[in-house]
């Protein structure tokens, strides 16, 4: 079974009978359409390309906002135009979830790498700064990979073994335990 594309709605929680609270992330997974099928003979490996969120004005070459290729097992067969729904995940207990984390902009080394910085008293100017970044005449440059201020967030993050708490097939909703990377309304990839 390939995966499915969905849209993150947000977080909520449910209360158990014993008083425990379980945080949930709700993801809306409208039926994905098979756009392209790869086989061993035609492409070198078995896979399907799924389309999510149809364009309001479909073009000749593009009909969906989002396309994603998923590898298939050897025995699985799909046709162009087939619909992939949440019914495929009925017997699955946990999934692999991929999303793009929230962007936090350009950040310094204290927030980005948890540097400690220096003392703040006696006129010290070494508060939240990185400190020394290299040697002097030899090698005369900053080494590659030096931890310096940079952009934070906005990276692909994959969480493995995320438990499925509930699936509502009529409303196309799946409830996953815990947080899922990305802001609300972002595209989430769910695989088994």
C-alpha atoms as a PDB file:
ATOM      1  CA  UNK A   1       0.000   0.000   0.000  1.00  0.00           C
ATOM      2  CA  UNK A   2       1.395   3.445  -0.856  1.00  0.00           C
ATOM      3  CA  UNK A   3       0.914   6.425   1.403  1.00  0.00           C
ATOM      4  CA  UNK A   4      -1.523   9.300   1.254  1.00  0.00           C
ATOM      5  CA  UNK A   5      -1.331  13.094   1.231  1.00  0.00           C
ATOM      6  CA  UNK A   6      -3.324  15.179   3.672  1.00  0.00           C
ATOM      7  CA  UNK A   7      -3.799  18.665   5.102  1.00  0.00           C
ATOM      8  CA  UNK A   8      -3.056  19.354   8.763  1.00  0.00           C
ATOM      9  CA  UNK A   9      -6.103  20.873  10.450  1.00  0.00           C
ATOM     10  CA  UNK A  10      -4.709  21.382  13.945  1.00  0.00           C
ATOM     11  CA  UNK A  11      -4.441  19.832  17.386  1.00  0.00           C
ATOM     12  CA  UNK A  12      -7.041  18.769  19.906  1.00  0.00           C
ATOM     13  CA  UNK A  13      -7.255  16.285  22.786  1.00  0.00           C
ATOM     14  CA  UNK A  14      -9.397  13.495  24.163  1.00  0.00           C
ATOM     15  CA  UNK A  15      -9.983  12.506  27.767  1.00  0.00           C
ATOM     16  CA  UNK A  16      -9.765   8.878  28.851  1.00  0.00           C
ATOM     17  CA  UNK A  17     -12.017   7.329  31.494  1.00  0.00           C
ATOM     18  CA  UNK A  18      -9.139   7.195  33.988  1.00  0.00           C
ATOM     19  CA  UNK A  19      -8.509  10.960  33.615  1.00  0.00           C
ATOM     20  CA  UNK A  20      -5.553  10.810  31.211  1.00  0.00           C
ATOM     21  CA  UNK A  21      -5.422  13.370  28.407  1.00  0.00           C
ATOM     22  CA  UNK A  22      -4.187  12.289  24.957  1.00  0.00           C
ATOM     23  CA  UNK A  23      -3.096  15.074  22.558  1.00  0.00           C
ATOM     24  CA  UNK A  24      -4.166  14.518  18.944  1.00  0.00           C
ATOM     25  CA  UNK A  25      -3.330  16.004  15.558  1.00  0.00           C
ATOM     26  CA  UNK A  26      -6.176  16.000  13.031  1.00  0.00           C
ATOM     27  CA  UNK A  27      -5.293  15.534   9.360  1.00  0.00           C
ATOM     28  CA  UNK A  28      -7.830  15.789   6.564  1.00  0.00           C
ATOM     29  CA  UNK A  29      -7.049  13.283   3.807  1.00  0.00           C
ATOM     30  CA  UNK A  30      -9.359  13.847   0.842  1.00  0.00           C
ATOM     31  CA  UNK A  31      -9.222  10.916  -1.632  1.00  0.00           C
ATOM     32  CA  UNK A  32      -5.926  11.004  -3.546  1.00  0.00           C
ATOM     33  CA  UNK A  33      -6.023  10.248  -7.271  1.00  0.00           C
ATOM     34  CA  UNK A  34      -3.488   8.019  -9.010  1.00  0.00           C
ATOM     35  CA  UNK A  35      -1.986  10.253 -11.703  1.00  0.00           C
ATOM     36  CA  UNK A  36       0.847   8.062 -12.985  1.00  0.00           C
ATOM     37  CA  UNK A  37       1.887   4.416 -12.572  1.00  0.00           C
ATOM     38  CA  UNK A  38       5.487   3.178 -12.821  1.00  0.00           C
ATOM     39  CA  UNK A  39       6.400  -0.473 -13.332  1.00  0.00           C
ATOM     40  CA  UNK A  40       9.653  -2.421 -13.475  1.00  0.00           C
ATOM     41  CA  UNK A  41       9.448  -2.455 -17.271  1.00  0.00           C
ATOM     42  CA  UNK A  42       8.373   1.184 -17.571  1.00  0.00           C
ATOM     43  CA  UNK A  43      10.443   3.208 -15.120  1.00  0.00           C
ATOM     44  CA  UNK A  44      12.678   0.633 -13.427  1.00  0.00           C
ATOM     45  CA  UNK A  45      10.723   0.269 -10.158  1.00  0.00           C
ATOM     46  CA  UNK A  46       7.075  -0.061  -9.109  1.00  0.00           C
ATOM     47  CA  UNK A  47       5.550   3.211  -7.890  1.00  0.00           C
ATOM     48  CA  UNK A  48       2.490   5.436  -8.145  1.00  0.00           C
ATOM     49  CA  UNK A  49       2.213   9.226  -8.314  1.00  0.00           C
ATOM     50  CA  UNK A  50      -0.696  10.575  -6.264  1.00  0.00           C
ATOM     51  CA  UNK A  51      -2.400  13.917  -6.838  1.00  0.00           C
ATOM     52  CA  UNK A  52      -3.935  15.902  -3.976  1.00  0.00           C
ATOM     53  CA  UNK A  53      -6.224  18.969  -4.066  1.00  0.00           C
ATOM     54  CA  UNK A  54      -7.469  19.406  -7.606  1.00  0.00           C
ATOM     55  CA  UNK A  55      -6.889  22.734  -9.354  1.00  0.00           C
ATOM     56  CA  UNK A  56      -9.949  24.961  -9.830  1.00  0.00           C
ATOM     57  CA  UNK A  57      -8.993  25.421 -13.484  1.00  0.00           C
ATOM     58  CA  UNK A  58      -7.115  22.258 -14.535  1.00  0.00           C
ATOM     59  CA  UNK A  59      -4.445  22.793 -17.195  1.00  0.00           C
ATOM     60  CA  UNK A  60      -3.353  20.471 -19.945  1.00  0.00           C
ATOM     61  CA  UNK A  61      -0.229  19.328 -18.113  1.00  0.00           C
ATOM     62  CA  UNK A  62      -1.277  19.868 -14.508  1.00  0.00           C
ATOM     63  CA  UNK A  63      -4.478  18.994 -12.696  1.00  0.00           C
ATOM     64  CA  UNK A  64      -3.454  18.937  -9.010  1.00  0.00           C
ATOM     65  CA  UNK A  65      -1.756  21.340  -6.606  1.00  0.00           C
ATOM     66  CA  UNK A  66       0.375  18.626  -5.011  1.00  0.00           C
ATOM     67  CA  UNK A  67       1.950  15.502  -6.527  1.00  0.00           C
ATOM     68  CA  UNK A  68       3.933  12.864  -4.631  1.00  0.00           C
ATOM     69  CA  UNK A  69       5.478   9.568  -5.737  1.00  0.00           C
ATOM     70  CA  UNK A  70       5.170   6.513  -3.481  1.00  0.00           C
ATOM     71  CA  UNK A  71       6.973   3.186  -3.949  1.00  0.00           C
ATOM     72  CA  UNK A  72       4.732   0.126  -4.147  1.00  0.00           C
ATOM     73  CA  UNK A  73       5.220  -3.505  -3.234  1.00  0.00           C
ATOM     74  CA  UNK A  74       5.736  -5.984  -6.073  1.00  0.00           C
ATOM     75  CA  UNK A  75       2.228  -7.484  -5.989  1.00  0.00           C
ATOM     76  CA  UNK A  76       0.243  -4.230  -5.851  1.00  0.00           C
ATOM     77  CA  UNK A  77      -1.425  -2.984  -9.028  1.00  0.00           C
ATOM     78  CA  UNK A  78      -3.029   0.404  -9.565  1.00  0.00           C
ATOM     79  CA  UNK A  79      -4.631   2.094 -12.561  1.00  0.00           C
ATOM     80  CA  UNK A  80      -4.565   5.773 -13.495  1.00  0.00           C
ATOM     81  CA  UNK A  81      -7.648   7.406 -11.974  1.00  0.00           C
ATOM     82  CA  UNK A  82      -7.937   5.086  -8.939  1.00  0.00           C
ATOM     83  CA  UNK A  83      -8.813   6.739  -5.625  1.00  0.00           C
ATOM     84  CA  UNK A  84      -6.678   6.145  -2.520  1.00  0.00           C
ATOM     85  CA  UNK A  85      -8.701   6.751   0.666  1.00  0.00           C
ATOM     86  CA  UNK A  86      -8.245   6.297   4.402  1.00  0.00           C
ATOM     87  CA  UNK A  87      -9.862   2.851   4.212  1.00  0.00           C
ATOM     88  CA  UNK A  88      -6.390   1.503   3.366  1.00  0.00           C
ATOM     89  CA  UNK A  89      -5.267   2.498   6.896  1.00  0.00           C
ATOM     90  CA  UNK A  90      -8.065   0.691   8.796  1.00  0.00           C
ATOM     91  CA  UNK A  91      -5.886  -2.222   9.930  1.00  0.00           C
ATOM     92  CA  UNK A  92      -2.729  -0.141  10.521  1.00  0.00           C
ATOM     93  CA  UNK A  93      -1.725   0.768  14.071  1.00  0.00           C
ATOM     94  CA  UNK A  94       1.121   3.246  13.461  1.00  0.00           C
ATOM     95  CA  UNK A  95       2.360   5.307  10.510  1.00  0.00           C
ATOM     96  CA  UNK A  96       5.339   7.348   9.335  1.00  0.00           C
ATOM     97  CA  UNK A  97       4.533  11.088   9.055  1.00  0.00           C
ATOM     98  CA  UNK A  98       6.527  13.676   7.070  1.00  0.00           C
ATOM     99  CA  UNK A  99       6.026  17.445   7.067  1.00  0.00           C
ATOM    100  CA  UNK A 100       7.930  20.713   6.732  1.00  0.00           C
ATOM    101  CA  UNK A 101       8.614  22.241  10.150  1.00  0.00           C
ATOM    102  CA  UNK A 102       7.608  25.795  11.011  1.00  0.00           C
ATOM    103  CA  UNK A 103      10.097  28.405   9.861  1.00  0.00           C
ATOM    104  CA  UNK A 104      11.570  30.537  12.664  1.00  0.00           C
ATOM    105  CA  UNK A 105      13.643  32.946  10.571  1.00  0.00           C
ATOM    106  CA  UNK A 106      17.288  33.943  11.031  1.00  0.00           C
ATOM    107  CA  UNK A 107      18.414  33.003  14.553  1.00  0.00           C
ATOM    108  CA  UNK A 108      21.582  33.366  16.581  1.00  0.00           C
ATOM    109  CA  UNK A 109      23.713  30.600  18.060  1.00  0.00           C
ATOM    110  CA  UNK A 110      22.054  30.664  21.506  1.00  0.00           C
ATOM    111  CA  UNK A 111      18.609  29.769  20.172  1.00  0.00           C
ATOM    112  CA  UNK A 112      19.831  27.665  17.249  1.00  0.00           C
ATOM    113  CA  UNK A 113      22.530  25.520  18.944  1.00  0.00           C
ATOM    114  CA  UNK A 114      21.935  26.232  22.667  1.00  0.00           C
ATOM    115  CA  UNK A 115      25.266  28.013  23.166  1.00  0.00           C
ATOM    116  CA  UNK A 116      25.641  29.382  26.688  1.00  0.00           C
ATOM    117  CA  UNK A 117      27.323  32.707  25.973  1.00  0.00           C
ATOM    118  CA  UNK A 118      29.428  34.561  28.517  1.00  0.00           C
ATOM    119  CA  UNK A 119      28.951  36.509  31.717  1.00  0.00           C
ATOM    120  CA  UNK A 120      26.773  39.620  31.712  1.00  0.00           C
ATOM    121  CA  UNK A 121      28.502  41.659  34.383  1.00  0.00           C
ATOM    122  CA  UNK A 122      31.639  43.880  34.609  1.00  0.00           C
ATOM    123  CA  UNK A 123      31.176  45.365  31.134  1.00  0.00           C
ATOM    124  CA  UNK A 124      31.477  42.063  29.288  1.00  0.00           C
ATOM    125  CA  UNK A 125      30.471  42.192  25.627  1.00  0.00           C
ATOM    126  CA  UNK A 126      30.361  38.383  25.304  1.00  0.00           C
ATOM    127  CA  UNK A 127      26.667  37.864  26.131  1.00  0.00           C
ATOM    128  CA  UNK A 128      24.859  35.982  23.375  1.00  0.00           C
ATOM    129  CA  UNK A 129      27.661  35.922  20.833  1.00  0.00           C
ATOM    130  CA  UNK A 130      29.372  32.840  19.331  1.00  0.00           C
ATOM    131  CA  UNK A 131      32.886  33.683  20.505  1.00  0.00           C
ATOM    132  CA  UNK A 132      35.969  32.763  18.476  1.00  0.00           C
ATOM    133  CA  UNK A 133      35.239  31.186  15.082  1.00  0.00           C
ATOM    134  CA  UNK A 134      38.671  30.203  13.830  1.00  0.00           C
ATOM    135  CA  UNK A 135      42.463  30.260  13.980  1.00  0.00           C
ATOM    136  CA  UNK A 136      44.834  33.060  12.943  1.00  0.00           C
ATOM    137  CA  UNK A 137      47.338  32.815  10.079  1.00  0.00           C
ATOM    138  CA  UNK A 138      47.116  29.063   9.791  1.00  0.00           C
ATOM    139  CA  UNK A 139      44.794  27.938   8.193  1.00  0.00           C
ATOM    140  CA  UNK A 140      43.683  31.547   7.684  1.00  0.00           C
ATOM    141  CA  UNK A 141      40.026  30.676   7.136  1.00  0.00           C
ATOM    142  CA  UNK A 142      36.952  29.465   8.990  1.00  0.00           C
ATOM    143  CA  UNK A 143      36.573  25.681   8.978  1.00  0.00           C
ATOM    144  CA  UNK A 144      33.614  24.156   7.164  1.00  0.00           C
ATOM    145  CA  UNK A 145      30.646  23.236   9.340  1.00  0.00           C
ATOM    146  CA  UNK A 146      31.269  25.970  11.928  1.00  0.00           C
ATOM    147  CA  UNK A 147      28.139  26.553  13.982  1.00  0.00           C
ATOM    148  CA  UNK A 148      27.108  30.138  13.290  1.00  0.00           C
ATOM    149  CA  UNK A 149      23.874  32.118  13.067  1.00  0.00           C
ATOM    150  CA  UNK A 150      21.587  30.769  10.337  1.00  0.00           C
ATOM    151  CA  UNK A 151      18.001  30.186   9.297  1.00  0.00           C
ATOM    152  CA  UNK A 152      16.063  27.927  11.647  1.00  0.00           C
ATOM    153  CA  UNK A 153      13.167  25.614  10.792  1.00  0.00           C
ATOM    154  CA  UNK A 154      11.621  25.016   7.402  1.00  0.00           C
ATOM    155  CA  UNK A 155      13.123  21.513   7.121  1.00  0.00           C
ATOM    156  CA  UNK A 156      11.620  18.148   6.164  1.00  0.00           C
ATOM    157  CA  UNK A 157      10.992  16.190   9.362  1.00  0.00           C
ATOM    158  CA  UNK A 158       9.852  12.557   9.502  1.00  0.00           C
ATOM    159  CA  UNK A 159       8.350  10.980  12.615  1.00  0.00           C
ATOM    160  CA  UNK A 160       8.245   7.183  12.776  1.00  0.00           C
ATOM    161  CA  UNK A 161       5.757   4.921  14.570  1.00  0.00           C
ATOM    162  CA  UNK A 162       3.121   7.602  15.206  1.00  0.00           C
ATOM    163  CA  UNK A 163       0.062   5.793  16.641  1.00  0.00           C
ATOM    164  CA  UNK A 164      -3.305   6.137  14.901  1.00  0.00           C
ATOM    165  CA  UNK A 165      -5.991   6.901  17.468  1.00  0.00           C
ATOM    166  CA  UNK A 166      -9.067   7.220  15.245  1.00  0.00           C
ATOM    167  CA  UNK A 167     -10.084   7.240  11.570  1.00  0.00           C
ATOM    168  CA  UNK A 168     -13.330   8.890  10.367  1.00  0.00           C
ATOM    169  CA  UNK A 169     -13.852   7.735   6.778  1.00  0.00           C
ATOM    170  CA  UNK A 170     -17.050   9.796   6.206  1.00  0.00           C
ATOM    171  CA  UNK A 171     -15.283  13.071   7.064  1.00  0.00           C
ATOM    172  CA  UNK A 172     -11.886  11.938   5.639  1.00  0.00           C
ATOM    173  CA  UNK A 173     -10.167  12.601   8.994  1.00  0.00           C
ATOM    174  CA  UNK A 174      -7.341  10.735  10.686  1.00  0.00           C
ATOM    175  CA  UNK A 175      -6.347  11.454  14.290  1.00  0.00           C
ATOM    176  CA  UNK A 176      -2.694  10.831  15.175  1.00  0.00           C
ATOM    177  CA  UNK A 177      -1.293  10.781  18.694  1.00  0.00           C
ATOM    178  CA  UNK A 178       0.949  13.730  19.546  1.00  0.00           C
ATOM    179  CA  UNK A 179       2.252  16.592  17.432  1.00  0.00           C
ATOM    180  CA  UNK A 180       3.001  16.479  13.709  1.00  0.00           C
ATOM    181  CA  UNK A 181       5.585  18.791  12.083  1.00  0.00           C
ATOM    182  CA  UNK A 182       4.361  21.852  10.208  1.00  0.00           C
ATOM    183  CA  UNK A 183       1.873  24.686  10.679  1.00  0.00           C
ATOM    184  CA  UNK A 184      -1.894  24.314  10.263  1.00  0.00           C
ATOM    185  CA  UNK A 185      -3.060  23.881   6.631  1.00  0.00           C
ATOM    186  CA  UNK A 186       0.336  22.462   5.609  1.00  0.00           C
ATOM    187  CA  UNK A 187       0.678  19.314   3.488  1.00  0.00           C
ATOM    188  CA  UNK A 188       1.459  16.118   5.407  1.00  0.00           C
ATOM    189  CA  UNK A 189       2.667  12.824   3.918  1.00  0.00           C
ATOM    190  CA  UNK A 190       1.471   9.653   5.670  1.00  0.00           C
ATOM    191  CA  UNK A 191       3.111   6.262   4.940  1.00  0.00           C
ATOM    192  CA  UNK A 192       2.777   2.834   6.510  1.00  0.00           C
END
